[in-house]
Amino acid sequence: MKDIKIDPSTMKLELDIMEITKACVVVICDGNVKIRELPPYGEYKIATHQAKP
């Protein structure tokens, strides 16, 4: 998973959709953001531990 930064001055998350893959998942938890490309077929599981990815 790739980390994405949240602008600390505005506390906003901005994603440029032209720079990310067409099929992806964004996970937000405790002020941290991660993005992961989805496979072209099959499934992708997100496992958490105590509600933290």
Protein backbone atom coordinates (compact mmCIF):
# COMPACT_ATOMS: atom_id res chain seq x y z
CA MET A 1 0.00 0.00 0.00
CA LYS A 2 1.17 3.49 -0.80
CA ASP A 3 0.95 6.21 1.86
CA ILE A 4 -0.84 9.45 0.97
CA LYS A 5 -0.42 12.67 2.92
CA ILE A 6 -3.24 14.76 4.37
CA ASP A 7 -2.60 18.53 4.22
CA PRO A 8 -2.12 19.41 7.92
CA SER A 9 -3.14 23.06 7.43
CA THR A 10 -6.55 22.18 5.95
CA MET A 11 -6.92 18.56 7.14
CA LYS A 12 -8.13 17.71 3.61
CA LEU A 13 -7.27 14.71 1.51
CA GLU A 14 -6.75 15.50 -2.15
CA LEU A 15 -6.28 12.82 -4.80
CA ASP A 16 -5.39 13.56 -8.40
CA ILE A 17 -7.40 10.92 -10.26
CA MET A 18 -5.12 11.31 -13.27
CA GLU A 19 -2.16 10.04 -11.20
CA ILE A 20 -3.78 6.98 -9.59
CA THR A 21 -4.82 3.72 -11.17
CA LYS A 22 -8.34 3.26 -12.48
CA ALA A 23 -9.18 0.56 -9.94
CA CYS A 24 -7.98 1.19 -6.41
CA VAL A 25 -9.04 1.23 -2.80
CA VAL A 26 -8.40 4.06 -0.31
CA VAL A 27 -8.15 3.22 3.40
CA ILE A 28 -8.39 6.01 5.99
CA CYS A 29 -7.70 5.32 9.68
CA ASP A 30 -6.48 7.54 12.54
CA GLY A 31 -5.49 10.35 10.17
CA ASN A 32 -3.43 8.04 7.95
CA VAL A 33 -4.33 7.31 4.34
CA LYS A 34 -3.19 4.44 2.15
CA ILE A 35 -4.04 3.61 -1.43
CA ARG A 36 -3.76 0.19 -3.08
CA GLU A 37 -4.23 -0.81 -6.69
CA LEU A 38 -6.81 -3.54 -7.19
CA PRO A 39 -5.94 -6.61 -9.24
CA PRO A 40 -7.47 -6.86 -12.73
CA TYR A 41 -9.44 -9.93 -11.63
CA GLY A 42 -10.09 -11.89 -8.47
CA GLU A 43 -10.46 -10.29 -5.08
CA TYR A 44 -8.43 -8.23 -2.63
CA LYS A 45 -8.97 -8.61 1.09
CA ILE A 46 -8.29 -5.91 3.65
CA ALA A 47 -7.51 -7.32 7.07
CA THR A 48 -7.65 -5.14 10.16
CA HIS A 49 -6.48 -5.62 13.71
CA GLN A 50 -8.42 -3.68 16.33
CA ALA A 51 -9.96 -1.59 13.51
CA LYS A 52 -6.53 -0.54 12.20
CA PRO A 53 -5.31 -1.59 8.74
